[in-house]
Amino acid sequence: MSQKIHSIHYPFGIDEGFGRLLEEPDYAEHVEQMIKQILFTNPGERINRPDFGCGLMRMVFAPNSDVSANLTQVMITQSLQRWIGTLIDVIDVKATAVNEKLEVSIVYILKARQERRYLNLEVTI
C-alpha cells in the first residue's frame, strides 16, 4: 500500500497542467530520487552543505579500473549511510569497471516499509 506524500520531484520540474512545482507522491520513488541526488552531487556544490554528496560524476575522469570501482563502492556506501541512513539500510553496493562504463548496483531496504529495493546505474567514462 502506497501512502501519498508531498515532496519536490527530482530532477526539479514544473507541472505544466497546474503551473506549480512538480511533486513526487510515492515514498519509494522519493527515496530513490534522494539516492540519486546524493550520488550525482559533488561535494562543494551545495553552499549550505558543502560536504553533501558522493561525487559519482567525478569518477568519469578517473581511470576506469578495478581500483576506481572499489573506491566508488566505498564512497557510495559511506555517503548513503551518512545522508539517508535513517531511511534506508544499505545491503550491497557493487561498482564494476566494464570497458568505458562504470556499472553501479545498489541494494537497500526501505526502513519504513521493510522493503528490499534495487537501483542500477551506468556511468559512461
N, C-alpha and C. Protein backbone atom coordinates (compact mmCIF):
# COMPACT_ATOMS: atom_id res chain seq x y z
N MET A 1 0.85 -1.18 0.00
CA MET A 1 0.00 0.00 0.00
C MET A 1 0.89 1.23 0.00
N SER A 2 0.63 2.14 -0.91
CA SER A 2 1.44 3.33 -1.07
C SER A 2 0.78 4.52 -0.38
N GLN A 3 1.51 5.13 0.55
CA GLN A 3 1.00 6.31 1.23
C GLN A 3 1.43 7.53 0.44
N LYS A 4 0.50 8.42 0.16
CA LYS A 4 0.78 9.61 -0.63
C LYS A 4 1.57 10.61 0.21
N ILE A 5 2.63 11.14 -0.37
CA ILE A 5 3.44 12.15 0.28
C ILE A 5 3.51 13.37 -0.64
N HIS A 6 4.02 14.46 -0.12
CA HIS A 6 4.20 15.67 -0.92
C HIS A 6 5.66 16.07 -0.82
N SER A 7 6.42 15.80 -1.88
CA SER A 7 7.81 16.19 -1.92
C SER A 7 8.11 16.72 -3.31
N ILE A 8 9.11 17.56 -3.41
CA ILE A 8 9.51 18.11 -4.70
C ILE A 8 10.18 17.02 -5.51
N HIS A 9 9.78 16.88 -6.75
CA HIS A 9 10.32 15.87 -7.65
C HIS A 9 11.78 16.19 -7.99
N TYR A 10 12.59 15.14 -8.14
CA TYR A 10 13.97 15.30 -8.60
C TYR A 10 14.12 14.51 -9.88
N PRO A 11 14.60 15.05 -10.97
CA PRO A 11 15.06 16.43 -11.07
C PRO A 11 13.90 17.42 -11.02
N PHE A 12 14.23 18.61 -10.58
CA PHE A 12 13.29 19.70 -10.42
C PHE A 12 12.51 19.94 -11.71
N GLY A 13 11.22 20.17 -11.58
CA GLY A 13 10.41 20.43 -12.76
C GLY A 13 9.14 21.18 -12.42
N ILE A 14 8.44 21.61 -13.44
CA ILE A 14 7.17 22.33 -13.29
C ILE A 14 6.05 21.46 -13.84
N ASP A 15 4.98 21.33 -13.07
CA ASP A 15 3.79 20.63 -13.53
C ASP A 15 3.06 21.59 -14.47
N GLU A 16 3.14 21.31 -15.77
CA GLU A 16 2.58 22.22 -16.76
C GLU A 16 1.06 22.37 -16.64
N GLY A 17 0.39 21.33 -16.19
CA GLY A 17 -1.07 21.39 -16.05
C GLY A 17 -1.51 22.35 -14.96
N PHE A 18 -0.72 22.41 -13.87
CA PHE A 18 -1.10 23.24 -12.73
C PHE A 18 -0.22 24.48 -12.58
N GLY A 19 0.91 24.52 -13.29
CA GLY A 19 1.80 25.68 -13.20
C GLY A 19 2.49 25.80 -11.85
N ARG A 20 2.78 24.68 -11.22
CA ARG A 20 3.46 24.69 -9.92
C ARG A 20 4.57 23.65 -9.93
N LEU A 21 5.31 23.57 -8.83
CA LEU A 21 6.40 22.60 -8.75
C LEU A 21 5.88 21.19 -8.93
N LEU A 22 6.63 20.40 -9.67
CA LEU A 22 6.28 19.00 -9.87
C LEU A 22 6.54 18.26 -8.56
N GLU A 23 5.56 17.47 -8.11
CA GLU A 23 5.68 16.74 -6.85
C GLU A 23 5.86 15.25 -7.11
N GLU A 24 6.47 14.59 -6.15
CA GLU A 24 6.60 13.13 -6.18
C GLU A 24 5.72 12.57 -5.07
N PRO A 25 4.62 11.90 -5.42
CA PRO A 25 3.69 11.41 -4.40
C PRO A 25 4.05 10.04 -3.82
N ASP A 26 4.98 9.29 -4.44
CA ASP A 26 5.29 7.95 -3.99
C ASP A 26 6.54 7.95 -3.11
N TYR A 27 6.44 7.38 -1.92
CA TYR A 27 7.55 7.38 -0.95
C TYR A 27 8.78 6.66 -1.48
N ALA A 28 8.61 5.48 -2.06
CA ALA A 28 9.75 4.70 -2.55
C ALA A 28 10.47 5.47 -3.66
N GLU A 29 9.72 6.10 -4.55
CA GLU A 29 10.33 6.91 -5.62
C GLU A 29 11.05 8.12 -5.04
N HIS A 30 10.47 8.72 -4.02
CA HIS A 30 11.09 9.87 -3.34
C HIS A 30 12.45 9.48 -2.78
N VAL A 31 12.53 8.34 -2.12
CA VAL A 31 13.80 7.88 -1.55
C VAL A 31 14.80 7.59 -2.66
N GLU A 32 14.34 6.97 -3.76
CA GLU A 32 15.24 6.71 -4.88
C GLU A 32 15.78 8.02 -5.47
N GLN A 33 14.93 9.03 -5.54
CA GLN A 33 15.38 10.33 -6.02
C GLN A 33 16.40 10.95 -5.08
N MET A 34 16.23 10.73 -3.77
CA MET A 34 17.20 11.23 -2.79
C MET A 34 18.55 10.53 -2.99
N ILE A 35 18.51 9.24 -3.26
CA ILE A 35 19.74 8.48 -3.51
C ILE A 35 20.46 9.07 -4.73
N LYS A 36 19.72 9.33 -5.78
CA LYS A 36 20.32 9.91 -6.99
C LYS A 36 20.91 11.29 -6.72
N GLN A 37 20.24 12.08 -5.89
CA GLN A 37 20.78 13.40 -5.53
C GLN A 37 22.13 13.24 -4.84
N ILE A 38 22.21 12.30 -3.92
CA ILE A 38 23.46 12.07 -3.19
C ILE A 38 24.54 11.61 -4.16
N LEU A 39 24.21 10.67 -5.04
CA LEU A 39 25.21 10.11 -5.95
C LEU A 39 25.73 11.15 -6.95
N PHE A 40 24.84 11.97 -7.49
CA PHE A 40 25.23 12.86 -8.57
C PHE A 40 25.59 14.27 -8.12
N THR A 41 25.58 14.54 -6.82
CA THR A 41 26.03 15.83 -6.31
C THR A 41 27.48 15.71 -5.88
N ASN A 42 28.31 16.62 -6.36
CA ASN A 42 29.71 16.64 -5.95
C ASN A 42 29.85 17.42 -4.65
N PRO A 43 30.66 16.93 -3.71
CA PRO A 43 30.91 17.72 -2.52
C PRO A 43 31.40 19.11 -2.92
N GLY A 44 30.84 20.13 -2.28
CA GLY A 44 31.18 21.51 -2.59
C GLY A 44 30.15 22.20 -3.46
N GLU A 45 29.22 21.47 -4.06
CA GLU A 45 28.19 22.07 -4.92
C GLU A 45 27.11 22.79 -4.14
N ARG A 46 26.78 22.34 -2.97
CA ARG A 46 25.74 22.98 -2.16
C ARG A 46 26.38 23.96 -1.19
N ILE A 47 25.94 25.18 -1.25
CA ILE A 47 26.55 26.24 -0.45
C ILE A 47 26.38 25.98 1.04
N ASN A 48 25.19 25.65 1.48
CA ASN A 48 24.93 25.47 2.90
C ASN A 48 25.30 24.09 3.43
N ARG A 49 25.61 23.17 2.53
CA ARG A 49 26.07 21.83 2.91
C ARG A 49 27.22 21.44 2.00
N PRO A 50 28.39 22.03 2.21
CA PRO A 50 29.50 21.78 1.28
C PRO A 50 30.01 20.35 1.28
N ASP A 51 29.71 19.57 2.31
CA ASP A 51 30.17 18.18 2.33
C ASP A 51 29.11 17.19 1.86
N PHE A 52 27.95 17.71 1.40
CA PHE A 52 26.88 16.85 0.91
C PHE A 52 27.27 16.25 -0.44
N GLY A 53 26.92 15.01 -0.64
CA GLY A 53 27.09 14.38 -1.94
C GLY A 53 28.15 13.31 -1.94
N CYS A 54 28.16 12.60 -3.05
CA CYS A 54 29.08 11.47 -3.22
C CYS A 54 30.11 11.77 -4.29
N GLY A 55 29.71 12.47 -5.32
CA GLY A 55 30.65 12.81 -6.38
C GLY A 55 30.87 11.71 -7.39
N LEU A 56 29.83 10.91 -7.65
CA LEU A 56 29.96 9.82 -8.60
C LEU A 56 30.38 10.32 -9.98
N MET A 57 29.90 11.48 -10.38
CA MET A 57 30.23 12.00 -11.71
C MET A 57 31.71 12.36 -11.84
N ARG A 58 32.39 12.60 -10.74
CA ARG A 58 33.84 12.84 -10.81
C ARG A 58 34.57 11.60 -11.28
N MET A 59 33.97 10.45 -11.07
CA MET A 59 34.61 9.20 -11.48
C MET A 59 34.69 9.07 -13.00
N VAL A 60 33.95 9.91 -13.73
CA VAL A 60 34.02 9.92 -15.18
C VAL A 60 35.45 10.24 -15.62
N PHE A 61 36.15 11.05 -14.83
CA PHE A 61 37.50 11.48 -15.20
C PHE A 61 38.60 10.65 -14.52
N ALA A 62 38.20 9.67 -13.73
CA ALA A 62 39.18 8.79 -13.07
C ALA A 62 39.51 7.63 -13.99
N PRO A 63 40.67 7.03 -13.80
CA PRO A 63 40.99 5.85 -14.61
C PRO A 63 39.94 4.75 -14.37
N ASN A 64 39.49 4.13 -15.41
CA ASN A 64 38.47 3.09 -15.29
C ASN A 64 39.16 1.77 -14.99
N SER A 65 39.21 1.44 -13.70
CA SER A 65 39.92 0.24 -13.27
C SER A 65 39.18 -0.39 -12.09
N ASP A 66 39.65 -1.55 -11.70
CA ASP A 66 39.07 -2.21 -10.52
C ASP A 66 39.31 -1.39 -9.26
N VAL A 67 40.45 -0.72 -9.18
CA VAL A 67 40.76 0.12 -8.02
C VAL A 67 39.76 1.27 -7.92
N SER A 68 39.48 1.92 -9.04
CA SER A 68 38.49 3.01 -9.06
C SER A 68 37.11 2.48 -8.68
N ALA A 69 36.76 1.30 -9.19
CA ALA A 69 35.46 0.71 -8.89
C ALA A 69 35.33 0.41 -7.39
N ASN A 70 36.39 -0.11 -6.78
CA ASN A 70 36.36 -0.39 -5.34
C ASN A 70 36.25 0.90 -4.54
N LEU A 71 36.97 1.92 -4.94
CA LEU A 71 36.88 3.22 -4.28
C LEU A 71 35.46 3.77 -4.40
N THR A 72 34.86 3.61 -5.55
CA THR A 72 33.49 4.07 -5.78
C THR A 72 32.51 3.36 -4.86
N GLN A 73 32.66 2.06 -4.69
CA GLN A 73 31.79 1.29 -3.79
C GLN A 73 31.84 1.85 -2.38
N VAL A 74 33.04 2.10 -1.88
CA VAL A 74 33.20 2.62 -0.53
C VAL A 74 32.60 4.02 -0.42
N MET A 75 32.88 4.85 -1.41
CA MET A 75 32.39 6.22 -1.43
C MET A 75 30.85 6.25 -1.42
N ILE A 76 30.22 5.41 -2.22
CA ILE A 76 28.75 5.36 -2.28
C ILE A 76 28.17 4.87 -0.97
N THR A 77 28.71 3.79 -0.45
CA THR A 77 28.20 3.22 0.81
C THR A 77 28.28 4.23 1.94
N GLN A 78 29.41 4.89 2.09
CA GLN A 78 29.57 5.87 3.17
C GLN A 78 28.64 7.06 3.01
N SER A 79 28.48 7.54 1.79
CA SER A 79 27.60 8.70 1.55
C SER A 79 26.14 8.37 1.84
N LEU A 80 25.69 7.20 1.39
CA LEU A 80 24.30 6.83 1.64
C LEU A 80 24.04 6.63 3.12
N GLN A 81 24.96 5.99 3.81
CA GLN A 81 24.79 5.79 5.25
C GLN A 81 24.78 7.12 5.99
N ARG A 82 25.61 8.03 5.56
CA ARG A 82 25.69 9.32 6.24
C ARG A 82 24.44 10.16 6.03
N TRP A 83 23.98 10.28 4.78
CA TRP A 83 22.93 11.23 4.46
C TRP A 83 21.52 10.69 4.58
N ILE A 84 21.30 9.41 4.34
CA ILE A 84 19.94 8.88 4.48
C ILE A 84 19.93 7.54 5.22
N GLY A 85 20.87 7.37 6.10
CA GLY A 85 20.94 6.15 6.90
C GLY A 85 19.75 5.94 7.80
N THR A 86 18.98 7.00 8.07
CA THR A 86 17.77 6.84 8.88
C THR A 86 16.60 6.33 8.05
N LEU A 87 16.72 6.42 6.72
CA LEU A 87 15.65 5.99 5.83
C LEU A 87 15.89 4.62 5.19
N ILE A 88 17.17 4.28 4.98
CA ILE A 88 17.48 3.02 4.31
C ILE A 88 18.61 2.29 5.03
N ASP A 89 18.63 0.98 4.83
CA ASP A 89 19.77 0.15 5.20
C ASP A 89 20.43 -0.27 3.90
N VAL A 90 21.69 0.09 3.73
CA VAL A 90 22.42 -0.29 2.53
C VAL A 90 22.86 -1.74 2.70
N ILE A 91 22.39 -2.62 1.84
CA ILE A 91 22.70 -4.03 1.90
C ILE A 91 23.95 -4.34 1.09
N ASP A 92 24.01 -3.80 -0.13
CA ASP A 92 25.13 -4.11 -1.01
C ASP A 92 25.31 -3.00 -2.03
N VAL A 93 26.57 -2.68 -2.31
CA VAL A 93 26.92 -1.74 -3.38
C VAL A 93 28.00 -2.42 -4.22
N LYS A 94 27.75 -2.49 -5.50
CA LYS A 94 28.73 -3.06 -6.42
C LYS A 94 29.01 -2.04 -7.50
N ALA A 95 30.28 -1.79 -7.75
CA ALA A 95 30.70 -0.94 -8.86
C ALA A 95 31.67 -1.78 -9.69
N THR A 96 31.40 -1.84 -10.97
CA THR A 96 32.20 -2.67 -11.87
C THR A 96 32.66 -1.84 -13.05
N ALA A 97 33.96 -1.88 -13.32
CA ALA A 97 34.52 -1.20 -14.49
C ALA A 97 34.40 -2.13 -15.69
N VAL A 98 33.61 -1.72 -16.69
CA VAL A 98 33.41 -2.51 -17.90
C VAL A 98 33.68 -1.61 -19.09
N ASN A 99 34.82 -1.84 -19.74
CA ASN A 99 35.24 -1.02 -20.88
C ASN A 99 35.17 0.47 -20.53
N GLU A 100 34.31 1.23 -21.22
CA GLU A 100 34.24 2.67 -20.96
C GLU A 100 33.10 3.03 -20.01
N LYS A 101 32.56 2.04 -19.30
CA LYS A 101 31.44 2.27 -18.40
C LYS A 101 31.79 1.88 -16.97
N LEU A 102 31.12 2.53 -16.05
CA LEU A 102 31.17 2.15 -14.64
C LEU A 102 29.74 1.75 -14.29
N GLU A 103 29.52 0.48 -14.01
CA GLU A 103 28.20 -0.01 -13.67
C GLU A 103 28.07 -0.06 -12.16
N VAL A 104 27.00 0.55 -11.64
CA VAL A 104 26.77 0.63 -10.20
C VAL A 104 25.44 -0.02 -9.88
N SER A 105 25.45 -0.94 -8.93
CA SER A 105 24.24 -1.60 -8.45
C SER A 105 24.15 -1.42 -6.95
N ILE A 106 22.99 -0.97 -6.51
CA ILE A 106 22.78 -0.73 -5.08
C ILE A 106 21.56 -1.52 -4.63
N VAL A 107 21.72 -2.26 -3.55
CA VAL A 107 20.61 -2.98 -2.93
C VAL A 107 20.41 -2.36 -1.55
N TYR A 108 19.17 -1.98 -1.26
CA TYR A 108 18.89 -1.35 0.03
C TYR A 108 17.50 -1.74 0.52
N ILE A 109 17.28 -1.51 1.79
CA ILE A 109 15.99 -1.78 2.42
C ILE A 109 15.38 -0.45 2.83
N LEU A 110 14.15 -0.20 2.41
CA LEU A 110 13.41 0.96 2.90
C LEU A 110 12.97 0.65 4.33
N LYS A 111 13.50 1.36 5.29
CA LYS A 111 13.21 1.03 6.69
C LYS A 111 11.73 1.17 7.03
N ALA A 112 11.06 2.18 6.50
CA ALA A 112 9.66 2.43 6.84
C ALA A 112 8.75 1.29 6.40
N ARG A 113 9.15 0.58 5.34
CA ARG A 113 8.31 -0.50 4.80
C ARG A 113 8.94 -1.87 4.89
N GLN A 114 10.21 -1.92 5.32
CA GLN A 114 10.96 -3.18 5.31
C GLN A 114 10.88 -3.82 3.93
N GLU A 115 11.12 -3.00 2.91
CA GLU A 115 11.00 -3.42 1.52
C GLU A 115 12.38 -3.36 0.85
N ARG A 116 12.77 -4.46 0.24
CA ARG A 116 14.06 -4.52 -0.48
C ARG A 116 13.90 -3.84 -1.83
N ARG A 117 14.85 -2.95 -2.15
CA ARG A 117 14.81 -2.20 -3.41
C ARG A 117 16.16 -2.30 -4.11
N TYR A 118 16.15 -2.10 -5.42
CA TYR A 118 17.36 -2.18 -6.24
C TYR A 118 17.46 -0.94 -7.10
N LEU A 119 18.68 -0.43 -7.25
CA LEU A 119 18.94 0.70 -8.14
C LEU A 119 20.18 0.37 -8.95
N ASN A 120 20.04 0.37 -10.27
CA ASN A 120 21.15 0.10 -11.17
C ASN A 120 21.42 1.33 -12.02
N LEU A 121 22.68 1.76 -12.04
CA LEU A 121 23.08 2.93 -12.81
C LEU A 121 24.27 2.59 -13.68
N GLU A 122 24.42 3.34 -14.74
CA GLU A 122 25.55 3.18 -15.63
C GLU A 122 26.14 4.56 -15.88
N VAL A 123 27.42 4.73 -15.53
CA VAL A 123 28.13 5.98 -15.74
C VAL A 123 29.11 5.75 -16.86
N THR A 124 28.97 6.54 -17.93
CA THR A 124 29.86 6.39 -19.08
C THR A 124 31.14 7.16 -18.84
N ILE A 125 32.25 6.49 -19.02
CA ILE A 125 33.55 7.08 -18.75
C ILE A 125 34.24 7.42 -20.05
